[in-house]
Amino acid sequence: MKKRTLAGLSLIALALAGCGGRQPLKPVKGQNLPAVPTGAATAPTAAQLMEPSIQARPERNVELLTQSRQRADDPFDLPPEKRPQ
């Protein structure tokens, strides 16, 4: 009996998890979309506002090293100074 109840509840939970809203986003009543950005012809839509900018999600470069070469001598790479006690 317990297994049947558990299986039934699992099926109901699975069915409810699959029914999500697929409607376009709209501003809350009483609130407007942000103002038109300077230089833009029209205000951005809700979908455009939800899309991250290139600065927020930069492309990754997986090529770490294209050419290997010896480092030049660094005149500022000095050993630590010993302080008198």
Protein backbone atom coordinates (compact mmCIF):
# COMPACT_ATOMS: atom_id res chain seq x y z
CA MET A 1 0.00 0.00 0.00
CA LYS A 2 2.84 2.42 0.88
CA LYS A 3 4.63 1.76 -2.40
CA ARG A 4 1.48 2.51 -4.40
CA THR A 5 0.92 5.76 -2.51
CA LEU A 6 4.55 6.78 -2.98
CA ALA A 7 4.43 5.93 -6.68
CA GLY A 8 1.19 7.91 -7.10
CA LEU A 9 2.61 10.95 -5.32
CA SER A 10 5.75 10.73 -7.43
CA LEU A 11 3.71 10.73 -10.64
CA ILE A 12 1.65 13.71 -9.47
CA ALA A 13 4.80 15.63 -8.51
CA LEU A 14 6.37 14.84 -11.88
CA ALA A 15 3.25 16.01 -13.71
CA LEU A 16 3.13 19.27 -11.75
CA ALA A 17 6.83 19.94 -12.31
CA GLY A 18 6.33 19.72 -16.07
CA CYS A 19 3.61 22.37 -16.32
CA GLY A 20 5.42 25.70 -16.23
CA GLY A 21 4.25 29.01 -17.64
CA ARG A 22 5.45 29.79 -21.16
CA GLN A 23 4.14 33.34 -21.41
CA PRO A 24 6.31 36.34 -22.28
CA LEU A 25 7.48 38.50 -19.38
CA LYS A 26 5.54 41.67 -18.63
CA PRO A 27 6.21 44.46 -16.13
CA VAL A 28 4.29 44.37 -12.85
CA LYS A 29 1.13 46.51 -12.82
CA GLY A 30 1.99 50.05 -11.85
CA GLN A 31 5.61 49.75 -12.97
CA ASN A 32 7.10 50.57 -16.36
CA LEU A 33 10.06 49.18 -18.21
CA PRO A 34 13.33 51.10 -17.78
CA ALA A 35 13.80 54.31 -19.74
CA VAL A 36 15.15 54.25 -23.28
CA PRO A 37 18.98 54.19 -23.15
CA THR A 38 20.83 57.17 -24.58
CA GLY A 39 21.39 56.72 -28.29
CA ALA A 40 18.88 53.87 -28.66
CA ALA A 41 15.92 54.23 -30.98
CA THR A 42 13.51 52.13 -28.88
CA ALA A 43 13.25 50.80 -25.35
CA PRO A 44 14.61 47.27 -24.84
CA THR A 45 12.07 44.47 -24.50
CA ALA A 46 11.85 42.20 -21.47
CA ALA A 47 13.63 39.42 -23.36
CA GLN A 48 16.49 41.77 -24.28
CA LEU A 49 16.81 42.88 -20.65
CA MET A 50 17.04 39.25 -19.49
CA GLU A 51 19.86 38.43 -21.93
CA PRO A 52 23.30 38.97 -20.32
CA SER A 53 25.65 41.40 -22.02
CA ILE A 54 29.03 40.43 -23.48
CA GLN A 55 30.70 42.07 -20.47
CA ALA A 56 28.66 39.94 -18.09
CA ARG A 57 29.48 36.70 -19.97
CA PRO A 58 32.77 37.13 -21.82
CA GLU A 59 33.97 34.51 -24.25
CA ARG A 60 36.59 32.19 -22.85
CA ASN A 61 39.88 31.61 -24.59
CA VAL A 62 41.05 28.05 -24.01
CA GLU A 63 44.31 28.54 -25.88
CA LEU A 64 46.62 29.49 -23.05
CA LEU A 65 49.94 29.76 -24.85
CA THR A 66 50.55 30.27 -28.55
CA GLN A 67 54.30 30.95 -28.52
CA SER A 68 56.87 30.00 -25.94
CA ARG A 69 59.80 32.31 -25.40
CA GLN A 70 62.30 33.10 -22.70
CA ARG A 71 61.36 35.84 -20.31
CA ALA A 72 63.49 38.95 -20.35
CA ASP A 73 65.44 39.77 -17.22
CA ASP A 74 63.33 41.78 -14.75
CA PRO A 75 65.38 44.42 -12.93
CA PHE A 76 62.69 44.75 -10.24
CA ASP A 77 62.67 41.01 -9.37
CA LEU A 78 64.91 41.38 -6.33
CA PRO A 79 65.34 38.99 -3.40
CA PRO A 80 63.84 40.12 -0.09
CA GLU A 81 66.07 42.27 2.07
CA LYS A 82 67.27 40.97 5.39
CA ARG A 83 66.47 43.32 8.25
CA PRO A 84 68.91 43.69 11.11
CA GLN A 85 67.54 42.45 14.39
